Amino acid sequence: MNGLELQDILLTFPEGGRRRTVLDIPYLKVTSGEHVGIRGASGSGKSSLLNVVSGLVLPDRGTVRWGAAVPGALPEHERDRWRGQHIGFIFQDFQLFPELEALENVLLPATFTGWRIPEALIRRGRGLLEHMHVCPTRKVRALSRGEKQRVAIARAVLLKPGIILADEPTASLDEANAGQVTLLLSGYARTLDSTLLVVSHDDAVLANMDRVLDLNRGIVREAA
């Protein structure tokens, strides 16, 4: 099960000789398989929240629990392995390798699980791209922004993660591509029964979520 539970989370960053509070969350629960949108002004702590729940950043205080797993209690190398096995990431700036082919980019998560990529995963990666109307052998540098984000989604769902985290996945796309990306992202998450957390300013993206959280100065509230 991939339900999320945050307890007594405090995250601070140094600023001008003091500590600035970035996140202050007494309690937050996300049900396994739930799709949750997160919105807030720039600097409100949205990306920091994704970093904390994924274990990329450890809070000053508190516990992040995914089902029975507490990633922050693991040694760093085990935490990295857990993240690679359970979480798919989608970023605003894609984070793709432009000189590699689309399929090569999609298969990158599989290279961290072993020396040889199973043929079944290669077929799955190719099938994901073809379903998204992206040529598997085309170099990423030759793709449109919408195609690049579809490659990023395919990479995120390749290993069928129980958790998908997306940081402003439509921010750099036009309306048509943003709509396609939104449907693909929510559709694959439903198919995989993945818990989905999406940071977004896009009302169309947020409308596809089960619920929306407002983040203001590190404090989370249910949206009205």
N, C-alpha and C. Protein backbone atom coordinates (compact mmCIF):
# COMPACT_ATOMS: atom_id res chain seq x y z
N MET A 1 0.85 -1.19 0.00
CA MET A 1 0.00 0.00 0.00
C MET A 1 0.89 1.24 0.00
N ASN A 2 0.44 2.28 -0.73
CA ASN A 2 1.27 3.47 -0.89
C ASN A 2 0.56 4.72 -0.41
N GLY A 3 -0.13 4.60 0.72
CA GLY A 3 -0.68 5.79 1.35
C GLY A 3 0.43 6.59 2.01
N LEU A 4 0.26 7.90 2.03
CA LEU A 4 1.26 8.81 2.59
C LEU A 4 0.77 9.38 3.91
N GLU A 5 1.66 9.43 4.88
CA GLU A 5 1.34 10.04 6.16
C GLU A 5 2.53 10.90 6.61
N LEU A 6 2.27 12.17 6.82
CA LEU A 6 3.28 13.08 7.36
C LEU A 6 2.90 13.42 8.79
N GLN A 7 3.87 13.34 9.68
CA GLN A 7 3.63 13.66 11.08
C GLN A 7 4.69 14.63 11.59
N ASP A 8 4.23 15.79 12.08
CA ASP A 8 5.09 16.75 12.76
C ASP A 8 6.29 17.18 11.90
N ILE A 9 6.02 17.49 10.62
CA ILE A 9 7.10 17.85 9.69
C ILE A 9 7.50 19.31 9.86
N LEU A 10 8.79 19.53 10.06
CA LEU A 10 9.36 20.88 10.05
C LEU A 10 10.60 20.86 9.16
N LEU A 11 10.61 21.76 8.17
CA LEU A 11 11.78 21.92 7.30
C LEU A 11 12.17 23.39 7.30
N THR A 12 13.44 23.66 7.59
CA THR A 12 13.93 25.03 7.58
C THR A 12 15.19 25.12 6.72
N PHE A 13 15.41 26.32 6.17
CA PHE A 13 16.62 26.59 5.40
C PHE A 13 17.33 27.80 6.02
N PRO A 14 18.66 27.83 5.96
CA PRO A 14 19.39 29.00 6.48
C PRO A 14 19.15 30.21 5.59
N GLU A 15 18.97 31.35 6.21
CA GLU A 15 18.74 32.59 5.46
C GLU A 15 19.14 33.78 6.32
N GLY A 16 20.19 34.46 5.90
CA GLY A 16 20.62 35.67 6.61
C GLY A 16 20.97 35.44 8.06
N GLY A 17 21.64 34.32 8.34
CA GLY A 17 22.04 34.05 9.72
C GLY A 17 20.94 33.46 10.58
N ARG A 18 19.76 33.24 9.99
CA ARG A 18 18.64 32.66 10.73
C ARG A 18 18.14 31.42 9.99
N ARG A 19 17.11 30.79 10.50
CA ARG A 19 16.49 29.64 9.85
C ARG A 19 15.10 30.05 9.38
N ARG A 20 14.86 29.93 8.09
CA ARG A 20 13.54 30.25 7.54
C ARG A 20 12.71 28.97 7.45
N THR A 21 11.48 29.02 7.96
CA THR A 21 10.60 27.86 7.90
C THR A 21 10.06 27.69 6.48
N VAL A 22 10.31 26.52 5.90
CA VAL A 22 9.86 26.20 4.55
C VAL A 22 8.60 25.34 4.59
N LEU A 23 8.56 24.38 5.51
CA LEU A 23 7.39 23.53 5.69
C LEU A 23 7.11 23.37 7.18
N ASP A 24 5.85 23.48 7.52
CA ASP A 24 5.41 23.26 8.91
C ASP A 24 4.07 22.53 8.84
N ILE A 25 4.14 21.20 8.88
CA ILE A 25 2.96 20.36 8.65
C ILE A 25 2.76 19.43 9.84
N PRO A 26 1.85 19.75 10.73
CA PRO A 26 1.60 18.87 11.88
C PRO A 26 1.14 17.47 11.47
N TYR A 27 0.24 17.42 10.46
CA TYR A 27 -0.26 16.11 10.03
C TYR A 27 -0.87 16.23 8.63
N LEU A 28 -0.58 15.25 7.81
CA LEU A 28 -1.18 15.18 6.47
C LEU A 28 -1.28 13.72 6.07
N LYS A 29 -2.43 13.33 5.55
CA LYS A 29 -2.62 11.95 5.10
C LYS A 29 -3.15 11.94 3.68
N VAL A 30 -2.57 11.09 2.85
CA VAL A 30 -3.03 10.85 1.48
C VAL A 30 -3.29 9.36 1.35
N THR A 31 -4.50 9.01 0.97
CA THR A 31 -4.88 7.61 0.85
C THR A 31 -4.17 6.94 -0.32
N SER A 32 -3.86 5.67 -0.19
CA SER A 32 -3.23 4.92 -1.27
C SER A 32 -4.09 4.99 -2.53
N GLY A 33 -3.48 5.35 -3.65
CA GLY A 33 -4.19 5.47 -4.92
C GLY A 33 -4.88 6.80 -5.14
N GLU A 34 -4.81 7.69 -4.16
CA GLU A 34 -5.47 9.00 -4.28
C GLU A 34 -4.64 9.92 -5.17
N HIS A 35 -5.33 10.82 -5.89
CA HIS A 35 -4.68 11.83 -6.73
C HIS A 35 -4.88 13.19 -6.09
N VAL A 36 -3.78 13.82 -5.72
CA VAL A 36 -3.84 15.07 -4.95
C VAL A 36 -3.07 16.17 -5.68
N GLY A 37 -3.73 17.30 -5.88
CA GLY A 37 -3.08 18.47 -6.44
C GLY A 37 -2.58 19.37 -5.33
N ILE A 38 -1.46 20.03 -5.59
CA ILE A 38 -0.87 20.95 -4.61
C ILE A 38 -0.63 22.28 -5.32
N ARG A 39 -1.19 23.35 -4.80
CA ARG A 39 -1.01 24.66 -5.42
C ARG A 39 -0.56 25.67 -4.37
N GLY A 40 0.05 26.73 -4.86
CA GLY A 40 0.54 27.77 -3.96
C GLY A 40 1.42 28.73 -4.73
N ALA A 41 1.66 29.88 -4.14
CA ALA A 41 2.48 30.90 -4.78
C ALA A 41 3.93 30.42 -4.87
N SER A 42 4.70 31.09 -5.73
CA SER A 42 6.12 30.78 -5.84
C SER A 42 6.79 30.98 -4.48
N GLY A 43 7.59 30.00 -4.08
CA GLY A 43 8.27 30.08 -2.80
C GLY A 43 7.45 29.60 -1.62
N SER A 44 6.29 29.01 -1.90
CA SER A 44 5.42 28.56 -0.80
C SER A 44 5.83 27.21 -0.22
N GLY A 45 6.76 26.52 -0.90
CA GLY A 45 7.25 25.24 -0.38
C GLY A 45 6.77 24.02 -1.15
N LYS A 46 6.19 24.24 -2.34
CA LYS A 46 5.60 23.12 -3.10
C LYS A 46 6.66 22.10 -3.51
N SER A 47 7.73 22.56 -4.15
CA SER A 47 8.78 21.63 -4.58
C SER A 47 9.48 21.01 -3.38
N SER A 48 9.64 21.78 -2.32
CA SER A 48 10.24 21.24 -1.10
C SER A 48 9.40 20.11 -0.52
N LEU A 49 8.08 20.25 -0.62
CA LEU A 49 7.20 19.19 -0.13
C LEU A 49 7.42 17.90 -0.91
N LEU A 50 7.52 17.99 -2.25
CA LEU A 50 7.79 16.80 -3.04
C LEU A 50 9.15 16.20 -2.68
N ASN A 51 10.14 17.06 -2.46
CA ASN A 51 11.47 16.56 -2.09
C ASN A 51 11.44 15.83 -0.75
N VAL A 52 10.65 16.33 0.18
CA VAL A 52 10.56 15.70 1.50
C VAL A 52 9.82 14.37 1.42
N VAL A 53 8.69 14.34 0.73
CA VAL A 53 7.92 13.09 0.69
C VAL A 53 8.65 12.00 -0.09
N SER A 54 9.56 12.39 -1.00
CA SER A 54 10.31 11.40 -1.76
C SER A 54 11.59 10.97 -1.07
N GLY A 55 11.95 11.65 0.01
CA GLY A 55 13.19 11.31 0.70
C GLY A 55 14.42 11.95 0.11
N LEU A 56 14.25 12.83 -0.89
CA LEU A 56 15.41 13.54 -1.43
C LEU A 56 15.96 14.53 -0.42
N VAL A 57 15.07 15.10 0.38
CA VAL A 57 15.46 16.02 1.45
C VAL A 57 14.88 15.51 2.75
N LEU A 58 15.70 15.44 3.79
CA LEU A 58 15.23 15.02 5.10
C LEU A 58 14.83 16.25 5.91
N PRO A 59 13.66 16.22 6.53
CA PRO A 59 13.22 17.38 7.32
C PRO A 59 14.03 17.52 8.61
N ASP A 60 13.97 18.72 9.19
CA ASP A 60 14.61 18.94 10.49
C ASP A 60 13.97 18.05 11.55
N ARG A 61 12.67 17.82 11.37
CA ARG A 61 11.91 17.07 12.37
C ARG A 61 10.73 16.39 11.69
N GLY A 62 10.29 15.28 12.27
CA GLY A 62 9.08 14.64 11.79
C GLY A 62 9.32 13.37 11.00
N THR A 63 8.22 12.73 10.63
CA THR A 63 8.25 11.42 9.97
C THR A 63 7.44 11.43 8.70
N VAL A 64 8.03 10.89 7.64
CA VAL A 64 7.33 10.65 6.37
C VAL A 64 7.15 9.15 6.24
N ARG A 65 5.92 8.72 6.10
CA ARG A 65 5.63 7.29 6.02
C ARG A 65 4.84 6.99 4.75
N TRP A 66 5.36 6.06 3.97
CA TRP A 66 4.63 5.55 2.80
C TRP A 66 4.22 4.12 3.11
N GLY A 67 2.96 3.89 3.46
CA GLY A 67 2.56 2.57 3.90
C GLY A 67 3.36 2.19 5.14
N ALA A 68 4.05 1.05 5.07
CA ALA A 68 4.87 0.62 6.20
C ALA A 68 6.29 1.15 6.12
N ALA A 69 6.65 1.80 5.02
CA ALA A 69 8.02 2.26 4.81
C ALA A 69 8.23 3.66 5.38
N VAL A 70 9.37 3.85 6.03
CA VAL A 70 9.79 5.17 6.50
C VAL A 70 11.14 5.46 5.84
N PRO A 71 11.12 6.06 4.64
CA PRO A 71 12.37 6.24 3.88
C PRO A 71 13.44 7.01 4.63
N GLY A 72 13.03 8.00 5.43
CA GLY A 72 14.01 8.80 6.15
C GLY A 72 14.80 8.04 7.18
N ALA A 73 14.32 6.87 7.58
CA ALA A 73 15.03 6.04 8.56
C ALA A 73 16.08 5.14 7.91
N LEU A 74 16.09 5.10 6.58
CA LEU A 74 17.02 4.23 5.87
C LEU A 74 18.35 4.93 5.64
N PRO A 75 19.45 4.16 5.56
CA PRO A 75 20.71 4.74 5.10
C PRO A 75 20.54 5.32 3.69
N GLU A 76 21.36 6.27 3.34
CA GLU A 76 21.16 7.00 2.08
C GLU A 76 21.09 6.08 0.87
N HIS A 77 21.99 5.09 0.78
CA HIS A 77 21.99 4.22 -0.39
C HIS A 77 20.73 3.37 -0.46
N GLU A 78 20.21 2.96 0.71
CA GLU A 78 18.97 2.19 0.72
C GLU A 78 17.77 3.08 0.40
N ARG A 79 17.84 4.32 0.85
CA ARG A 79 16.78 5.28 0.54
C ARG A 79 16.73 5.55 -0.97
N ASP A 80 17.90 5.68 -1.58
CA ASP A 80 17.96 5.88 -3.03
C ASP A 80 17.37 4.68 -3.77
N ARG A 81 17.69 3.47 -3.29
CA ARG A 81 17.16 2.27 -3.93
C ARG A 81 15.64 2.21 -3.77
N TRP A 82 15.15 2.52 -2.58
CA TRP A 82 13.70 2.52 -2.34
C TRP A 82 13.02 3.51 -3.28
N ARG A 83 13.58 4.70 -3.42
CA ARG A 83 13.00 5.72 -4.29
C ARG A 83 12.94 5.24 -5.74
N GLY A 84 14.03 4.63 -6.20
CA GLY A 84 14.06 4.15 -7.57
C GLY A 84 13.05 3.04 -7.84
N GLN A 85 12.76 2.24 -6.82
CA GLN A 85 11.82 1.13 -6.98
C GLN A 85 10.36 1.56 -6.87
N HIS A 86 10.09 2.64 -6.15
CA HIS A 86 8.71 2.97 -5.80
C HIS A 86 8.18 4.29 -6.34
N ILE A 87 9.06 5.20 -6.76
CA ILE A 87 8.61 6.54 -7.14
C ILE A 87 8.98 6.85 -8.59
N GLY A 88 8.01 7.39 -9.33
CA GLY A 88 8.25 7.94 -10.65
C GLY A 88 8.15 9.45 -10.59
N PHE A 89 9.15 10.15 -11.14
CA PHE A 89 9.20 11.61 -11.11
C PHE A 89 8.91 12.20 -12.48
N ILE A 90 8.19 13.32 -12.49
CA ILE A 90 7.98 14.09 -13.71
C ILE A 90 8.27 15.55 -13.38
N PHE A 91 9.14 16.17 -14.19
CA PHE A 91 9.61 17.52 -13.89
C PHE A 91 9.15 18.52 -14.94
N GLN A 92 9.08 19.78 -14.54
CA GLN A 92 8.69 20.85 -15.46
C GLN A 92 9.68 20.96 -16.62
N ASP A 93 10.97 20.80 -16.34
CA ASP A 93 12.00 20.97 -17.37
C ASP A 93 12.43 19.63 -17.99
N PHE A 94 11.62 18.60 -17.80
CA PHE A 94 11.76 17.29 -18.44
C PHE A 94 12.92 16.45 -17.88
N GLN A 95 14.13 17.04 -17.75
CA GLN A 95 15.33 16.34 -17.30
C GLN A 95 15.60 15.10 -18.16
N LEU A 96 15.65 15.34 -19.45
CA LEU A 96 15.98 14.30 -20.42
C LEU A 96 17.38 14.55 -20.99
N PHE A 97 17.97 13.51 -21.59
CA PHE A 97 19.26 13.65 -22.26
C PHE A 97 19.01 13.88 -23.75
N PRO A 98 19.28 15.09 -24.25
CA PRO A 98 18.89 15.45 -25.62
C PRO A 98 19.56 14.62 -26.71
N GLU A 99 20.76 14.12 -26.46
CA GLU A 99 21.47 13.37 -27.50
C GLU A 99 21.10 11.89 -27.52
N LEU A 100 20.30 11.46 -26.57
CA LEU A 100 19.82 10.08 -26.56
C LEU A 100 18.48 9.99 -27.26
N GLU A 101 18.15 8.80 -27.73
CA GLU A 101 16.84 8.57 -28.33
C GLU A 101 15.76 8.58 -27.25
N ALA A 102 14.52 8.76 -27.69
CA ALA A 102 13.40 8.78 -26.75
C ALA A 102 13.37 7.51 -25.91
N LEU A 103 13.50 6.35 -26.56
CA LEU A 103 13.44 5.08 -25.83
C LEU A 103 14.60 4.94 -24.86
N GLU A 104 15.78 5.39 -25.26
CA GLU A 104 16.93 5.32 -24.35
C GLU A 104 16.68 6.13 -23.08
N ASN A 105 16.04 7.28 -23.23
CA ASN A 105 15.69 8.09 -22.06
C ASN A 105 14.67 7.38 -21.18
N VAL A 106 13.68 6.78 -21.80
CA VAL A 106 12.63 6.08 -21.05
C VAL A 106 13.22 4.93 -20.24
N LEU A 107 14.20 4.25 -20.80
CA LEU A 107 14.77 3.07 -20.15
C LEU A 107 15.79 3.38 -19.07
N LEU A 108 16.14 4.64 -18.89
CA LEU A 108 17.17 4.99 -17.92
C LEU A 108 16.89 4.46 -16.51
N PRO A 109 15.64 4.54 -15.99
CA PRO A 109 15.41 4.00 -14.64
C PRO A 109 15.76 2.52 -14.52
N ALA A 110 15.61 1.79 -15.60
CA ALA A 110 15.89 0.35 -15.56
C ALA A 110 17.39 0.07 -15.48
N THR A 111 18.22 1.03 -15.91
CA THR A 111 19.66 0.80 -15.87
C THR A 111 20.18 0.80 -14.44
N PHE A 112 19.40 1.34 -13.50
CA PHE A 112 19.84 1.38 -12.10
C PHE A 112 19.44 0.12 -11.34
N THR A 113 18.68 -0.77 -12.00
CA THR A 113 18.21 -1.97 -11.31
C THR A 113 19.03 -3.21 -11.69
N GLY A 114 19.91 -3.09 -12.66
CA GLY A 114 20.71 -4.24 -13.06
C GLY A 114 21.58 -3.91 -14.25
N TRP A 115 22.47 -4.84 -14.60
CA TRP A 115 23.40 -4.61 -15.70
C TRP A 115 22.71 -4.71 -17.04
N ARG A 116 21.71 -5.55 -17.13
CA ARG A 116 21.06 -5.79 -18.41
C ARG A 116 19.57 -5.49 -18.29
N ILE A 117 19.05 -4.73 -19.25
CA ILE A 117 17.63 -4.38 -19.23
C ILE A 117 16.83 -5.53 -19.82
N PRO A 118 15.86 -6.07 -19.10
CA PRO A 118 15.06 -7.17 -19.62
C PRO A 118 14.32 -6.78 -20.90
N GLU A 119 14.21 -7.71 -21.81
CA GLU A 119 13.52 -7.45 -23.07
C GLU A 119 12.08 -7.00 -22.84
N ALA A 120 11.45 -7.53 -21.81
CA ALA A 120 10.07 -7.14 -21.51
C ALA A 120 9.97 -5.65 -21.19
N LEU A 121 10.97 -5.11 -20.50
CA LEU A 121 10.96 -3.68 -20.19
C LEU A 121 11.19 -2.84 -21.44
N ILE A 122 12.05 -3.33 -22.32
CA ILE A 122 12.28 -2.62 -23.58
C ILE A 122 11.00 -2.57 -24.39
N ARG A 123 10.29 -3.69 -24.45
CA ARG A 123 9.01 -3.72 -25.17
C ARG A 123 8.00 -2.79 -24.51
N ARG A 124 7.98 -2.77 -23.17
CA ARG A 124 7.05 -1.88 -22.48
C ARG A 124 7.37 -0.41 -22.78
N GLY A 125 8.65 -0.06 -22.72
CA GLY A 125 9.04 1.32 -23.00
C GLY A 125 8.67 1.74 -24.41
N ARG A 126 8.92 0.85 -25.36
CA ARG A 126 8.56 1.16 -26.75
C ARG A 126 7.05 1.30 -26.90
N GLY A 127 6.32 0.42 -26.24
CA GLY A 127 4.86 0.48 -26.32
C GLY A 127 4.29 1.75 -25.71
N LEU A 128 4.88 2.19 -24.60
CA LEU A 128 4.43 3.43 -23.97
C LEU A 128 4.61 4.61 -24.92
N LEU A 129 5.76 4.68 -25.55
CA LEU A 129 6.03 5.79 -26.47
C LEU A 129 5.11 5.75 -27.68
N GLU A 130 4.91 4.56 -28.23
CA GLU A 130 4.04 4.45 -29.39
C GLU A 130 2.60 4.82 -29.03
N HIS A 131 2.17 4.44 -27.83
CA HIS A 131 0.83 4.82 -27.38
C HIS A 131 0.70 6.33 -27.25
N MET A 132 1.81 7.00 -26.93
CA MET A 132 1.81 8.46 -26.78
C MET A 132 2.17 9.18 -28.08
N HIS A 133 2.30 8.40 -29.17
CA HIS A 133 2.60 8.95 -30.50
C HIS A 133 3.96 9.67 -30.53
N VAL A 134 4.95 9.03 -29.92
CA VAL A 134 6.32 9.52 -29.96
C VAL A 134 7.18 8.43 -30.58
N CYS A 135 8.00 8.78 -31.57
CA CYS A 135 8.87 7.81 -32.23
C CYS A 135 9.97 7.37 -31.26
N PRO A 136 10.07 6.08 -30.94
CA PRO A 136 11.05 5.62 -29.95
C PRO A 136 12.50 5.89 -30.33
N THR A 137 12.81 5.93 -31.64
CA THR A 137 14.20 6.07 -32.07
C THR A 137 14.59 7.51 -32.38
N ARG A 138 13.68 8.44 -32.17
CA ARG A 138 13.99 9.84 -32.47
C ARG A 138 14.78 10.46 -31.32
N LYS A 139 15.79 11.27 -31.68
CA LYS A 139 16.58 11.96 -30.66
C LYS A 139 15.70 12.96 -29.92
N VAL A 140 15.91 13.06 -28.63
CA VAL A 140 15.10 13.96 -27.81
C VAL A 140 15.26 15.41 -28.25
N ARG A 141 16.46 15.79 -28.71
CA ARG A 141 16.67 17.18 -29.13
C ARG A 141 15.78 17.57 -30.30
N ALA A 142 15.27 16.58 -31.04
CA ALA A 142 14.42 16.86 -32.20
C ALA A 142 12.94 16.86 -31.86
N LEU A 143 12.60 16.62 -30.61
CA LEU A 143 11.19 16.53 -30.21
C LEU A 143 10.64 17.89 -29.80
N SER A 144 9.33 18.03 -29.93
CA SER A 144 8.65 19.23 -29.42
C SER A 144 8.58 19.17 -27.90
N ARG A 145 8.19 20.27 -27.28
CA ARG A 145 8.09 20.29 -25.82
C ARG A 145 7.01 19.31 -25.34
N GLY A 146 5.91 19.25 -26.05
CA GLY A 146 4.87 18.31 -25.68
C GLY A 146 5.34 16.87 -25.78
N GLU A 147 6.10 16.55 -26.83
CA GLU A 147 6.64 15.20 -26.99
C GLU A 147 7.65 14.88 -25.88
N LYS A 148 8.46 15.87 -25.52
CA LYS A 148 9.44 15.65 -24.45
C LYS A 148 8.74 15.31 -23.13
N GLN A 149 7.65 16.00 -22.84
CA GLN A 149 6.96 15.71 -21.58
C GLN A 149 6.31 14.34 -21.63
N ARG A 150 5.87 13.91 -22.81
CA ARG A 150 5.32 12.56 -22.92
C ARG A 150 6.42 11.51 -22.71
N VAL A 151 7.62 11.79 -23.20
CA VAL A 151 8.75 10.89 -22.93
C VAL A 151 9.01 10.83 -21.42
N ALA A 152 8.93 11.98 -20.76
CA ALA A 152 9.16 12.02 -19.32
C ALA A 152 8.10 11.22 -18.56
N ILE A 153 6.86 11.27 -19.03
CA ILE A 153 5.80 10.48 -18.39
C ILE A 153 6.06 8.99 -18.60
N ALA A 154 6.44 8.62 -19.83
CA ALA A 154 6.74 7.21 -20.10
C ALA A 154 7.88 6.71 -19.20
N ARG A 155 8.89 7.53 -19.03
CA ARG A 155 10.01 7.16 -18.14
C ARG A 155 9.52 6.98 -16.71
N ALA A 156 8.64 7.87 -16.26
CA ALA A 156 8.16 7.83 -14.88
C ALA A 156 7.34 6.58 -14.59
N VAL A 157 6.59 6.10 -15.58
CA VAL A 157 5.69 4.96 -15.33
C VAL A 157 6.27 3.63 -15.81
N LEU A 158 7.48 3.64 -16.36
CA LEU A 158 8.07 2.43 -16.93
C LEU A 158 8.06 1.27 -15.95
N LEU A 159 8.50 1.51 -14.72
CA LEU A 159 8.64 0.44 -13.73
C LEU A 159 7.38 0.25 -12.89
N LYS A 160 6.26 0.82 -13.35
CA LYS A 160 4.96 0.70 -12.68
C LYS A 160 5.06 1.10 -11.20
N PRO A 161 5.48 2.34 -10.94
CA PRO A 161 5.67 2.77 -9.56
C PRO A 161 4.35 2.92 -8.82
N GLY A 162 4.39 2.68 -7.53
CA GLY A 162 3.20 2.89 -6.71
C GLY A 162 2.96 4.34 -6.38
N ILE A 163 3.98 5.19 -6.62
CA ILE A 163 3.92 6.61 -6.30
C ILE A 163 4.41 7.40 -7.51
N ILE A 164 3.65 8.42 -7.92
CA ILE A 164 4.08 9.31 -8.99
C ILE A 164 4.05 10.73 -8.47
N LEU A 165 5.17 11.44 -8.62
CA LEU A 165 5.29 12.83 -8.19
C LEU A 165 5.56 13.70 -9.42
N ALA A 166 4.76 14.73 -9.61
CA ALA A 166 4.91 15.61 -10.77
C ALA A 166 4.99 17.06 -10.31
N ASP A 167 6.04 17.75 -10.76
CA ASP A 167 6.27 19.15 -10.38
C ASP A 167 6.02 20.04 -11.59
N GLU A 168 4.87 20.71 -11.59
CA GLU A 168 4.47 21.61 -12.68
C GLU A 168 4.61 20.94 -14.05
N PRO A 169 3.97 19.81 -14.27
CA PRO A 169 4.18 19.05 -15.51
C PRO A 169 3.68 19.73 -16.78
N THR A 170 2.81 20.74 -16.66
CA THR A 170 2.27 21.40 -17.86
C THR A 170 2.70 22.86 -17.97
N ALA A 171 3.57 23.32 -17.08
CA ALA A 171 3.86 24.76 -17.00
C ALA A 171 4.48 25.32 -18.27
N SER A 172 5.26 24.52 -18.98
CA SER A 172 5.94 25.04 -20.17
C SER A 172 5.27 24.61 -21.47
N LEU A 173 4.02 24.13 -21.39
CA LEU A 173 3.32 23.61 -22.56
C LEU A 173 2.17 24.52 -22.96
N ASP A 174 1.83 24.46 -24.26
CA ASP A 174 0.64 25.19 -24.71
C ASP A 174 -0.61 24.44 -24.25
N GLU A 175 -1.77 25.06 -24.46
CA GLU A 175 -3.01 24.51 -23.90
C GLU A 175 -3.31 23.11 -24.42
N ALA A 176 -3.10 22.90 -25.73
CA ALA A 176 -3.41 21.59 -26.31
C ALA A 176 -2.52 20.50 -25.72
N ASN A 177 -1.21 20.76 -25.68
CA ASN A 177 -0.28 19.77 -25.12
C ASN A 177 -0.49 19.58 -23.63
N ALA A 178 -0.83 20.66 -22.93
CA ALA A 178 -1.09 20.55 -21.50
C ALA A 178 -2.27 19.62 -21.23
N GLY A 179 -3.31 19.74 -22.06
CA GLY A 179 -4.47 18.87 -21.91
C GLY A 179 -4.13 17.41 -22.14
N GLN A 180 -3.31 17.14 -23.18
CA GLN A 180 -2.91 15.77 -23.47
C GLN A 180 -2.07 15.18 -22.34
N VAL A 181 -1.13 15.97 -21.85
CA VAL A 181 -0.26 15.51 -20.76
C VAL A 181 -1.06 15.22 -19.50
N THR A 182 -2.03 16.08 -19.21
CA THR A 182 -2.88 15.89 -18.03
C THR A 182 -3.63 14.57 -18.11
N LEU A 183 -4.22 14.29 -19.27
CA LEU A 183 -4.98 13.05 -19.44
C LEU A 183 -4.08 11.83 -19.37
N LEU A 184 -2.89 11.92 -19.98
CA LEU A 184 -1.96 10.79 -19.93
C LEU A 184 -1.51 10.51 -18.50
N LEU A 185 -1.14 11.57 -17.80
CA LEU A 185 -0.63 11.41 -16.44
C LEU A 185 -1.68 10.80 -15.52
N SER A 186 -2.87 11.38 -15.51
CA SER A 186 -3.91 10.85 -14.62
C SER A 186 -4.37 9.47 -15.07
N GLY A 187 -4.39 9.24 -16.39
CA GLY A 187 -4.81 7.93 -16.90
C GLY A 187 -3.87 6.81 -16.51
N TYR A 188 -2.57 7.03 -16.67
CA TYR A 188 -1.60 5.99 -16.28
C TYR A 188 -1.60 5.77 -14.77
N ALA A 189 -1.74 6.86 -14.01
CA ALA A 189 -1.78 6.70 -12.55
C ALA A 189 -2.99 5.88 -12.13
N ARG A 190 -4.15 6.09 -12.78
CA ARG A 190 -5.34 5.29 -12.47
C ARG A 190 -5.11 3.82 -12.84
N THR A 191 -4.53 3.60 -14.02
CA THR A 191 -4.29 2.23 -14.48
C THR A 191 -3.38 1.47 -13.51
N LEU A 192 -2.35 2.16 -13.02
CA LEU A 192 -1.39 1.52 -12.12
C LEU A 192 -1.84 1.55 -10.67
N ASP A 193 -2.95 2.23 -10.40
CA ASP A 193 -3.43 2.44 -9.03
C ASP A 193 -2.35 3.11 -8.19
N SER A 194 -1.65 4.06 -8.80
CA SER A 194 -0.57 4.78 -8.12
C SER A 194 -1.11 5.96 -7.33
N THR A 195 -0.47 6.25 -6.23
CA THR A 195 -0.72 7.49 -5.51
C THR A 195 -0.04 8.61 -6.29
N LEU A 196 -0.79 9.68 -6.59
CA LEU A 196 -0.29 10.75 -7.46
C LEU A 196 -0.33 12.08 -6.72
N LEU A 197 0.82 12.74 -6.65
CA LEU A 197 0.90 14.10 -6.11
C LEU A 197 1.39 15.01 -7.23
N VAL A 198 0.61 16.06 -7.52
CA VAL A 198 0.94 16.97 -8.62
C VAL A 198 0.98 18.40 -8.12
N VAL A 199 2.13 19.04 -8.23
CA VAL A 199 2.24 20.48 -7.99
C VAL A 199 1.88 21.19 -9.28
N SER A 200 0.93 22.12 -9.21
CA SER A 200 0.50 22.79 -10.45
C SER A 200 -0.24 24.08 -10.15
N HIS A 201 -0.11 25.04 -11.10
CA HIS A 201 -0.93 26.25 -11.10
C HIS A 201 -2.08 26.11 -12.11
N ASP A 202 -2.09 25.01 -12.85
CA ASP A 202 -3.03 24.82 -13.95
C ASP A 202 -4.36 24.30 -13.42
N ASP A 203 -5.41 25.11 -13.58
CA ASP A 203 -6.73 24.71 -13.08
C ASP A 203 -7.24 23.43 -13.74
N ALA A 204 -6.88 23.23 -15.02
CA ALA A 204 -7.33 22.02 -15.72
C ALA A 204 -6.68 20.77 -15.12
N VAL A 205 -5.42 20.89 -14.73
CA VAL A 205 -4.74 19.77 -14.07
C VAL A 205 -5.38 19.49 -12.72
N LEU A 206 -5.59 20.54 -11.95
CA LEU A 206 -6.14 20.39 -10.60
C LEU A 206 -7.56 19.84 -10.63
N ALA A 207 -8.30 20.15 -11.70
CA ALA A 207 -9.68 19.65 -11.82
C ALA A 207 -9.72 18.14 -11.98
N ASN A 208 -8.59 17.53 -12.41
CA ASN A 208 -8.52 16.08 -12.59
C ASN A 208 -8.13 15.35 -11.31
N MET A 209 -7.83 16.09 -10.26
CA MET A 209 -7.40 15.49 -9.00
C MET A 209 -8.59 15.14 -8.11
N ASP A 210 -8.39 14.20 -7.21
CA ASP A 210 -9.44 13.84 -6.25
C ASP A 210 -9.66 14.95 -5.23
N ARG A 211 -8.58 15.62 -4.88
CA ARG A 211 -8.68 16.78 -4.00
C ARG A 211 -7.47 17.67 -4.20
N VAL A 212 -7.56 18.90 -3.69
CA VAL A 212 -6.50 19.89 -3.88
C VAL A 212 -6.10 20.46 -2.53
N LEU A 213 -4.80 20.60 -2.33
CA LEU A 213 -4.25 21.21 -1.12
C LEU A 213 -3.66 22.57 -1.47
N ASP A 214 -3.91 23.56 -0.64
CA ASP A 214 -3.29 24.87 -0.77
C ASP A 214 -2.10 24.94 0.18
N LEU A 215 -0.96 25.38 -0.36
CA LEU A 215 0.26 25.51 0.44
C LEU A 215 0.63 26.98 0.51
N ASN A 216 0.69 27.53 1.70
CA ASN A 216 0.99 28.94 1.90
C ASN A 216 2.00 29.09 3.02
N ARG A 217 3.21 29.55 2.64
CA ARG A 217 4.28 29.73 3.63
C ARG A 217 4.54 28.46 4.43
N GLY A 218 4.50 27.34 3.71
CA GLY A 218 4.83 26.06 4.32
C GLY A 218 3.72 25.38 5.07
N ILE A 219 2.53 26.00 5.10
CA ILE A 219 1.40 25.43 5.82
C ILE A 219 0.38 24.89 4.83
N VAL A 220 -0.06 23.66 5.03
CA VAL A 220 -0.99 22.99 4.11
C VAL A 220 -2.42 23.10 4.64
N ARG A 221 -3.33 23.45 3.71
CA ARG A 221 -4.76 23.46 4.04
C ARG A 221 -5.53 22.85 2.88
N GLU A 222 -6.64 22.22 3.20
CA GLU A 222 -7.54 21.72 2.16
C GLU A 222 -8.11 22.91 1.39
N ALA A 223 -8.13 22.80 0.05
CA ALA A 223 -8.70 23.87 -0.77
C ALA A 223 -10.20 23.95 -0.55
N ALA A 224 -10.71 25.16 -0.63
CA ALA A 224 -12.16 25.36 -0.45
C ALA A 224 -12.92 24.75 -1.61
